[in-house]
Amino acid sequence: MVNVAIYYQLRQQEKQEHAIKNIDKMIQQLEVLRINIKGVFIDGYNSREKFEELISLPLDKIDYIYINKTFEDEFDNRLINELSKSEQFKLKLFYDFI
């Protein structure tokens, strides 16, 4: 069974309800594929608290992390890309899936 985590960072002026609707659509599609969702992490605009929770997971147990947009922060971008190499998971853009 494939293990995934979902990370969603709100865009400027995006409401959390909108994000939840998008995430719900994705989860419905993942459930059809019998994919095991290990966690859903939603950060506000320019926030990274949930991102820090995400990277604290045992990432070697995750096959894919779905993100809703590329990381704007250069450090976060490098960090997640290096972690993906060392922990053997793949990043997938959220909107490529739904």
C-alpha atoms as a PDB file:
ATOM      1  CA  MET A   1       0.000   0.000   0.000  1.00  0.00           C
ATOM      2  CA  VAL A   2       1.252   3.465  -0.911  1.00  0.00           C
ATOM      3  CA  ASN A   3       1.613   5.977   1.949  1.00  0.00           C
ATOM      4  CA  VAL A   4       1.077   9.672   1.270  1.00  0.00           C
ATOM      5  CA  ALA A   5       0.999  12.946   3.170  1.00  0.00           C
ATOM      6  CA  ILE A   6      -0.730  16.100   1.973  1.00  0.00           C
ATOM      7  CA  TYR A   7       0.682  19.561   2.597  1.00  0.00           C
ATOM      8  CA  TYR A   8      -1.365  22.631   1.715  1.00  0.00           C
ATOM      9  CA  GLN A   9      -0.269  26.222   2.294  1.00  0.00           C
ATOM     10  CA  LEU A  10      -3.017  28.793   1.860  1.00  0.00           C
ATOM     11  CA  ARG A  11      -2.481  31.425  -0.762  1.00  0.00           C
ATOM     12  CA  GLN A  12      -2.785  35.081   0.163  1.00  0.00           C
ATOM     13  CA  GLN A  13      -6.463  35.845   0.968  1.00  0.00           C
ATOM     14  CA  GLU A  14      -7.505  32.215   0.419  1.00  0.00           C
ATOM     15  CA  LYS A  15     -10.050  30.971   2.920  1.00  0.00           C
ATOM     16  CA  GLN A  16      -9.465  27.745   4.759  1.00  0.00           C
ATOM     17  CA  GLU A  17     -12.859  26.436   3.570  1.00  0.00           C
ATOM     18  CA  HIS A  18     -11.619  26.623  -0.028  1.00  0.00           C
ATOM     19  CA  ALA A  19      -8.498  24.674   0.870  1.00  0.00           C
ATOM     20  CA  ILE A  20     -10.531  22.017   2.661  1.00  0.00           C
ATOM     21  CA  LYS A  21     -12.763  21.556  -0.392  1.00  0.00           C
ATOM     22  CA  ASN A  22      -9.693  21.065  -2.605  1.00  0.00           C
ATOM     23  CA  ILE A  23      -8.148  18.625  -0.165  1.00  0.00           C
ATOM     24  CA  ASP A  24     -11.409  16.717   0.137  1.00  0.00           C
ATOM     25  CA  LYS A  25     -11.549  16.270  -3.661  1.00  0.00           C
ATOM     26  CA  MET A  26      -8.052  14.878  -3.629  1.00  0.00           C
ATOM     27  CA  ILE A  27      -8.724  12.536  -0.713  1.00  0.00           C
ATOM     28  CA  GLN A  28     -11.775  11.132  -2.491  1.00  0.00           C
ATOM     29  CA  GLN A  29      -9.629  10.276  -5.510  1.00  0.00           C
ATOM     30  CA  LEU A  30      -6.866   8.797  -3.365  1.00  0.00           C
ATOM     31  CA  GLU A  31      -9.340   6.596  -1.491  1.00  0.00           C
ATOM     32  CA  VAL A  32     -10.450   5.031  -4.781  1.00  0.00           C
ATOM     33  CA  LEU A  33      -6.820   4.034  -5.369  1.00  0.00           C
ATOM     34  CA  ARG A  34      -6.623   2.547  -1.848  1.00  0.00           C
ATOM     35  CA  ILE A  35      -3.836   4.865  -0.826  1.00  0.00           C
ATOM     36  CA  ASN A  36      -3.036   5.243   2.862  1.00  0.00           C
ATOM     37  CA  ILE A  37      -3.105   8.906   3.916  1.00  0.00           C
ATOM     38  CA  LYS A  38      -0.659   9.417   6.773  1.00  0.00           C
ATOM     39  CA  GLY A  39      -1.574  13.040   7.430  1.00  0.00           C
ATOM     40  CA  VAL A  40      -2.979  16.291   6.131  1.00  0.00           C
ATOM     41  CA  PHE A  41      -1.120  19.477   7.016  1.00  0.00           C
ATOM     42  CA  ILE A  42      -2.601  22.917   6.342  1.00  0.00           C
ATOM     43  CA  ASP A  43      -0.631  26.108   6.941  1.00  0.00           C
ATOM     44  CA  GLY A  44      -1.855  29.659   6.687  1.00  0.00           C
ATOM     45  CA  TYR A  45      -0.314  32.072   4.232  1.00  0.00           C
ATOM     46  CA  ASN A  46       3.387  32.626   5.079  1.00  0.00           C
ATOM     47  CA  SER A  47       3.125  30.133   7.940  1.00  0.00           C
ATOM     48  CA  ARG A  48       5.229  26.992   8.318  1.00  0.00           C
ATOM     49  CA  GLU A  49       4.136  25.445  11.613  1.00  0.00           C
ATOM     50  CA  LYS A  50       2.433  22.462   9.928  1.00  0.00           C
ATOM     51  CA  PHE A  51       5.319  22.148   7.482  1.00  0.00           C
ATOM     52  CA  GLU A  52       7.618  21.620  10.454  1.00  0.00           C
ATOM     53  CA  GLU A  53       5.238  18.938  11.763  1.00  0.00           C
ATOM     54  CA  LEU A  54       5.288  17.275   8.357  1.00  0.00           C
ATOM     55  CA  ILE A  55       9.076  17.070   8.140  1.00  0.00           C
ATOM     56  CA  SER A  56       9.127  15.661  11.673  1.00  0.00           C
ATOM     57  CA  LEU A  57       7.267  12.546  10.483  1.00  0.00           C
ATOM     58  CA  PRO A  58       9.215   9.359   9.778  1.00  0.00           C
ATOM     59  CA  LEU A  59       9.534  10.350   6.122  1.00  0.00           C
ATOM     60  CA  ASP A  60      11.108   7.048   5.163  1.00  0.00           C
ATOM     61  CA  LYS A  61       7.602   5.591   5.626  1.00  0.00           C
ATOM     62  CA  ILE A  62       6.075   8.073   3.125  1.00  0.00           C
ATOM     63  CA  ASP A  63       6.041   7.334  -0.607  1.00  0.00           C
ATOM     64  CA  TYR A  64       4.604  10.650  -1.827  1.00  0.00           C
ATOM     65  CA  ILE A  65       4.005  14.115  -0.430  1.00  0.00           C
ATOM     66  CA  TYR A  66       1.364  16.037  -2.332  1.00  0.00           C
ATOM     67  CA  ILE A  67       1.787  19.817  -2.211  1.00  0.00           C
ATOM     68  CA  ASN A  68      -0.589  22.462  -3.549  1.00  0.00           C
ATOM     69  CA  LYS A  69       2.144  24.783  -4.811  1.00  0.00           C
ATOM     70  CA  THR A  70       5.885  25.008  -5.036  1.00  0.00           C
ATOM     71  CA  PHE A  71       7.663  26.386  -1.996  1.00  0.00           C
ATOM     72  CA  GLU A  72       8.288  30.113  -2.241  1.00  0.00           C
ATOM     73  CA  ASP A  73      10.843  30.072   0.557  1.00  0.00           C
ATOM     74  CA  GLU A  74      14.201  28.995  -0.893  1.00  0.00           C
ATOM     75  CA  PHE A  75      15.297  27.269   2.321  1.00  0.00           C
ATOM     76  CA  ASP A  76      12.077  25.243   2.575  1.00  0.00           C
ATOM     77  CA  ASN A  77      12.348  24.332  -1.095  1.00  0.00           C
ATOM     78  CA  ARG A  78      15.912  23.056  -0.703  1.00  0.00           C
ATOM     79  CA  LEU A  79      15.061  21.298   2.543  1.00  0.00           C
ATOM     80  CA  ILE A  80      12.111  19.323   1.152  1.00  0.00           C
ATOM     81  CA  ASN A  81      14.024  18.422  -2.009  1.00  0.00           C
ATOM     82  CA  GLU A  82      17.033  17.157  -0.054  1.00  0.00           C
ATOM     83  CA  LEU A  83      14.758  15.232   2.311  1.00  0.00           C
ATOM     84  CA  SER A  84      13.008  13.647  -0.660  1.00  0.00           C
ATOM     85  CA  LYS A  85      16.365  12.338  -1.877  1.00  0.00           C
ATOM     86  CA  SER A  86      17.611  11.094   1.476  1.00  0.00           C
ATOM     87  CA  GLU A  87      14.285   9.640   2.671  1.00  0.00           C
ATOM     88  CA  GLN A  88      13.252   8.248  -0.726  1.00  0.00           C
ATOM     89  CA  PHE A  89       9.847   9.932  -1.170  1.00  0.00           C
ATOM     90  CA  LYS A  90       8.546  11.841  -4.167  1.00  0.00           C
ATOM     91  CA  LEU A  91       6.926  15.262  -4.277  1.00  0.00           C
ATOM     92  CA  LYS A  92       3.811  15.601  -6.381  1.00  0.00           C
ATOM     93  CA  LEU A  93       2.071  18.841  -7.199  1.00  0.00           C
ATOM     94  CA  PHE A  94      -1.488  18.719  -5.868  1.00  0.00           C
ATOM     95  CA  TYR A  95      -3.107  20.194  -8.976  1.00  0.00           C
ATOM     96  CA  ASP A  96      -1.392  17.679 -11.243  1.00  0.00           C
ATOM     97  CA  PHE A  97      -3.440  15.026  -9.508  1.00  0.00           C
ATOM     98  CA  ILE A  98      -6.963  16.458  -9.326  1.00  0.00           C
END
